[in-house]
Protein backbone atom coordinates (compact mmCIF):
# COMPACT_ATOMS: atom_id res chain seq x y z
CA MET A 1 -12.81 -16.19 3.53
CA LYS A 2 -13.02 -14.06 6.64
CA HIS A 3 -12.01 -10.39 6.71
CA LEU A 4 -11.34 -8.30 9.81
CA ILE A 5 -12.99 -4.90 9.52
CA LEU A 6 -11.93 -2.18 11.95
CA ILE A 7 -14.50 0.56 12.42
CA LEU A 8 -13.26 2.23 15.58
CA SER A 9 -9.76 1.42 16.75
CA THR A 10 -6.92 2.78 18.84
CA LEU A 11 -3.31 2.41 17.75
CA ILE A 12 -0.61 2.24 20.41
CA VAL A 13 3.09 2.07 19.58
CA VAL A 14 5.48 0.99 22.33
CA GLY A 15 9.09 0.53 21.31
CA CYS A 16 9.12 -2.14 18.59
CA GLN A 17 5.54 -3.22 19.26
CA ILE A 18 2.30 -2.03 17.69
CA LYS A 19 -1.07 -2.76 19.31
CA ILE A 20 -4.51 -1.97 17.93
CA TYR A 21 -7.58 -1.97 20.19
CA ASP A 22 -11.30 -1.78 19.45
CA SER A 23 -12.30 1.45 21.19
CA SER A 24 -15.99 0.65 20.67
CA ASP A 25 -15.70 -2.60 22.65
CA ASN A 26 -13.96 -1.74 25.93
CA ASN A 27 -10.60 -1.44 24.16
CA ARG A 28 -10.53 -5.14 23.29
CA LEU A 29 -7.18 -6.15 21.80
CA LEU A 30 -7.49 -6.81 18.07
CA ILE A 31 -3.99 -6.88 16.62
CA LYS A 32 -0.50 -7.00 18.06
CA GLY A 33 2.61 -6.67 15.94
CA TYR A 34 6.30 -6.58 16.68
CA LYS A 35 9.31 -5.72 14.56
CA LEU A 36 11.46 -8.62 13.51
CA PRO A 37 15.26 -8.27 13.66
CA LEU A 38 15.18 -7.89 9.88
CA ILE A 39 15.40 -4.87 7.65
CA LYS A 40 15.10 -5.10 3.88
CA ASP A 41 15.60 -2.06 1.66
CA THR A 42 15.72 0.06 4.85
CA ILE A 43 12.10 -0.97 5.61
CA PRO A 44 11.41 -2.85 8.87
CA ILE A 45 9.56 -6.16 8.77
CA PHE A 46 6.76 -6.76 11.27
CA ARG A 47 5.11 -9.98 12.41
CA TRP A 48 1.48 -9.66 13.48
CA LYS A 49 -0.83 -11.55 15.81
CA TYR A 50 -4.62 -11.27 15.53
CA TYR A 51 -7.16 -11.79 18.30
CA ALA A 52 -10.87 -12.56 18.23
CA TYR A 53 -12.54 -11.47 21.45
CA GLY A 54 -9.24 -11.80 23.25
CA GLU A 55 -8.36 -15.22 21.85
CA PHE A 56 -5.26 -15.76 19.77
CA VAL A 57 -6.33 -16.89 16.28
CA SER A 58 -3.44 -16.19 13.91
CA LYS A 59 0.25 -16.64 14.49
CA THR A 60 2.29 -16.38 11.32
CA CYS A 61 1.34 -13.13 9.64
CA LYS A 62 4.52 -11.47 8.40
CA PHE A 63 4.04 -8.09 6.75
CA ARG A 64 6.60 -5.57 5.61
CA LEU A 65 5.51 -1.97 6.15
CA ILE A 66 5.98 0.23 3.10
CA ASN A 67 6.92 3.91 3.20
CA ASP A 68 3.46 4.97 2.01
CA GLY A 69 1.84 3.30 5.02
CA SER A 70 0.70 0.14 3.22
CA TYR A 71 2.18 -3.33 3.68
CA ARG A 72 3.02 -6.51 1.84
CA GLY A 73 3.81 -10.06 2.79
CA THR A 74 2.10 -13.30 3.70
CA SER A 75 -0.40 -14.40 6.31
CA LYS A 76 -1.57 -17.76 7.61
CA TYR A 77 -4.78 -17.95 9.62
CA TYR A 78 -5.56 -20.65 12.16
CA TYR A 79 -8.67 -22.05 13.82
CA HIS A 80 -8.83 -22.03 17.61
CA THR A 81 -7.82 -25.69 17.50
CA GLY A 82 -4.52 -24.72 15.93
CA ASN A 83 -5.37 -26.15 12.50
CA ILE A 84 -4.67 -23.86 9.58
CA ALA A 85 -7.68 -21.96 8.20
CA GLY A 86 -6.19 -20.01 5.31
CA LYS A 87 -3.20 -18.51 3.51
CA ASP A 88 -3.03 -15.11 1.80
CA ARG A 89 -0.54 -12.88 0.07
CA TYR A 90 -0.63 -9.08 0.24
CA LYS A 91 0.91 -6.37 -1.92
CA ASN A 92 0.41 -2.63 -1.45
CA GLY A 93 -1.89 -3.44 1.46
CA LYS A 94 -4.28 -5.49 -0.69
CA LEU A 95 -4.86 -9.15 -1.44
CA ASN A 96 -2.79 -10.15 -4.46
CA GLY A 97 -2.03 -13.67 -5.59
CA ARG A 98 -3.29 -17.03 -4.39
CA HIS A 99 -5.68 -17.49 -1.49
CA ILE A 100 -6.28 -20.92 0.05
CA SER A 101 -8.85 -21.68 2.73
CA TYR A 102 -9.16 -24.96 4.61
CA TYR A 103 -11.78 -26.96 6.45
CA HIS A 104 -11.17 -27.70 10.12
CA ASP A 105 -9.60 -31.06 9.27
CA GLY A 106 -7.00 -29.46 6.99
CA LYS A 107 -8.60 -30.31 3.65
CA VAL A 108 -8.74 -27.54 1.05
CA GLU A 109 -12.03 -25.65 0.92
CA MET A 110 -11.22 -23.05 -1.73
CA ILE A 111 -8.39 -21.92 -4.00
CA ALA A 112 -8.79 -18.50 -5.56
CA TYR A 113 -6.63 -15.74 -6.95
CA PHE A 114 -6.85 -12.05 -6.17
CA LYS A 115 -5.75 -8.78 -7.70
CA ASN A 116 -6.06 -5.62 -5.61
CA ASP A 117 -8.58 -7.22 -3.22
CA ARG A 118 -10.76 -8.58 -6.06
CA ASN A 119 -11.15 -12.11 -7.36
CA TYR A 120 -9.08 -12.41 -10.54
CA GLY A 121 -8.29 -15.64 -12.33
CA SER A 122 -9.03 -19.25 -11.38
CA TYR A 123 -11.65 -19.96 -8.69
CA LYS A 124 -12.30 -23.43 -7.26
CA VAL A 125 -14.38 -24.64 -4.31
CA TYR A 126 -14.22 -28.14 -2.85
CA TYR A 127 -16.50 -30.34 -0.77
CA PRO A 128 -15.19 -31.49 2.65
CA SER A 129 -14.43 -34.84 0.98
CA GLY A 130 -11.96 -33.14 -1.35
CA VAL A 131 -14.18 -33.49 -4.43
CA ILE A 132 -14.45 -30.31 -6.49
CA SER A 133 -17.75 -28.40 -6.18
CA VAL A 134 -17.37 -25.31 -8.38
CA ALA A 135 -14.79 -24.27 -10.98
CA GLY A 136 -14.59 -21.04 -12.94
CA ASN A 137 -12.72 -17.81 -13.55
CA TYR A 138 -12.98 -14.13 -12.67
CA GLY A 139 -11.83 -11.34 -14.96
CA LYS A 140 -12.35 -7.76 -16.08
CA ILE A 141 -15.84 -6.48 -16.75
CA ARG A 142 -16.37 -5.96 -20.47
CA ASN A 143 -19.61 -3.97 -20.37
CA LEU A 144 -21.72 -2.85 -17.41
CA GLU A 145 -25.31 -1.68 -17.53
CA PHE A 146 -27.30 0.28 -14.97
CA GLU A 147 -30.68 1.92 -15.44
CA GLY A 148 -30.01 4.78 -13.05
CA THR A 149 -27.85 7.84 -13.69
CA GLU A 150 -26.30 8.48 -10.27
CA ILE A 151 -23.60 5.81 -10.58
CA ASP A 152 -20.52 6.06 -12.78
CA THR A 153 -20.22 2.54 -14.17
CA ASN A 154 -16.76 3.32 -15.58
CA ILE A 155 -15.37 3.64 -12.06
CA ILE A 156 -16.90 0.30 -11.06
CA LYS A 157 -15.56 -1.39 -14.20
CA ALA A 158 -12.08 -0.16 -13.34
CA THR A 159 -12.12 -1.59 -9.81
CA GLU A 160 -14.39 -4.64 -9.80
CA THR A 161 -14.18 -8.07 -11.46
CA ILE A 162 -16.85 -10.50 -12.61
CA GLU A 163 -17.42 -14.16 -13.45
CA VAL A 164 -16.17 -14.80 -16.99
CA GLY A 165 -15.87 -17.77 -19.33
CA THR A 166 -16.99 -21.30 -18.52
CA TRP A 167 -18.25 -22.18 -15.04
CA THR A 168 -18.98 -25.72 -13.92
CA LYS A 169 -20.76 -27.15 -10.87
CA TYR A 170 -20.45 -30.71 -9.53
CA ASP A 171 -22.31 -32.86 -7.01
CA SER A 172 -20.62 -34.39 -3.95
CA LEU A 173 -19.49 -37.36 -6.03
CA GLY A 174 -17.72 -35.15 -8.56
CA VAL A 175 -20.35 -35.63 -11.28
CA LYS A 176 -21.11 -32.55 -13.37
CA THR A 177 -24.50 -30.94 -12.64
CA GLU A 178 -24.34 -27.62 -14.51
CA GLU A 179 -22.09 -25.90 -17.03
CA GLY A 180 -22.26 -22.71 -19.03
CA ARG A 181 -20.49 -19.53 -20.04
CA TYR A 182 -20.56 -15.96 -18.76
CA SER A 183 -19.96 -13.28 -21.38
CA GLY A 184 -17.98 -10.88 -19.20
CA ASP A 185 -20.80 -8.35 -19.33
CA GLY A 186 -22.72 -7.44 -16.22
CA ILE A 187 -25.67 -5.49 -14.90
CA LEU A 188 -25.83 -3.42 -11.73
CA ILE A 189 -28.77 -3.84 -9.40
CA TYR A 190 -29.58 -2.16 -6.12
CA GLU A 191 -30.58 -4.32 -3.16
CA PRO A 192 -32.24 -2.54 -0.20
CA PRO A 193 -30.69 -2.99 3.25
CA GLU A 194 -31.51 -6.32 4.86
CA MET A 195 -31.91 -4.90 8.36
CA ILE A 196 -31.22 -1.91 10.60
CA VAL A 197 -28.95 -2.38 13.62
CA ASN A 198 -28.61 0.52 16.08
CA GLY A 199 -29.83 2.89 13.39
CA ILE A 200 -27.29 1.62 10.83
CA HIS A 201 -28.38 -0.04 7.59
CA VAL A 202 -26.80 -3.47 7.23
CA GLY A 203 -26.56 -5.44 3.99
CA GLY A 204 -27.92 -4.46 0.63
CA GLY A 205 -26.24 -2.01 -1.73
CA ILE A 206 -25.01 -2.33 -5.28
CA LYS A 207 -24.54 -5.82 -6.69
CA ILE A 208 -23.06 -6.90 -10.02
CA ILE A 209 -24.88 -9.72 -11.81
CA PRO A 210 -22.86 -11.58 -14.49
CA LEU A 211 -24.70 -12.23 -17.74
CA LYS A 212 -25.04 -15.75 -19.13
CA GLU A 213 -24.40 -16.28 -22.81
CA GLY A 214 -25.10 -19.20 -25.14
CA LYS A 215 -26.07 -22.67 -23.99
CA TRP A 216 -26.18 -23.70 -20.32
CA TYR A 217 -26.30 -27.45 -19.74
CA TYR A 218 -27.93 -29.21 -16.79
CA TYR A 219 -27.07 -32.79 -15.89
CA HIS A 220 -28.44 -35.62 -13.77
CA LYS A 221 -26.18 -38.59 -13.09
CA GLY A 222 -23.92 -37.47 -15.90
CA LEU A 223 -26.67 -37.17 -18.52
CA ILE A 224 -27.95 -33.91 -20.01
CA VAL A 225 -31.51 -33.28 -18.80
CA GLY A 226 -31.95 -29.71 -19.97
CA ILE A 227 -30.42 -26.91 -22.02
CA GLU A 228 -31.14 -23.21 -21.62
CA VAL A 229 -30.10 -20.72 -24.29
CA TYR A 230 -29.18 -17.16 -23.23
CA LYS A 231 -28.45 -13.98 -25.11
CA ASN A 232 -27.14 -10.92 -23.26
CA GLY A 233 -28.20 -12.55 -20.00
CA LYS A 234 -31.77 -13.20 -21.07
CA LEU A 235 -33.25 -16.69 -21.43
CA ILE A 236 -34.51 -16.99 -25.01
CA SER A 237 -35.24 -20.71 -25.43
CA PHE A 238 -35.10 -24.25 -24.04
CA GLU A 239 -33.76 -27.34 -25.75
């Protein structure tokens, strides 16, 4: 899924229109919105258009501005060819509910659910053929470990989610290749920045690793070829 991140922008309001420009890139037009002739609960409804380097890439994003400055509604994203690329739902300015992304030919690439911008619930990825590739679930973090002392893990637990329960992987023919369970516990690790661009560190940061628990099965042509046994995320034996 693709997210638009605005670092430096200029907001211009003209009548019923709102335009946002990238002031760091020669005021390139990023977003244009206009108020629909609809008002619900005294709150105006806006329809938005998004641009990528001046090209129109999304045409049915309908958000309702809320009094606190946030928004809610639905959005549909499109490839430059006009084929749909994805569907999202927003509440309180954050992703909430089902997200669907599509390949260029219109076949489903991923179906996932979000809660306050975080994966929450069922998660499925598909091959271009339509065969399922990965299936699992995201949920609340049960326990979170970190060796350092400068990070409050309770804050992260309250805002982040993690892989939980059974996860399964399949090959391009839909045959199971791997299956196992995540406990819901996690460990924080720090990854150094991957590169420096114009003096700014890019990549890296804190990452949450889900911990495997119990038996993880590995398959080849439908037959079990290996079993790994985990406890608290640590491999303790093979079968």
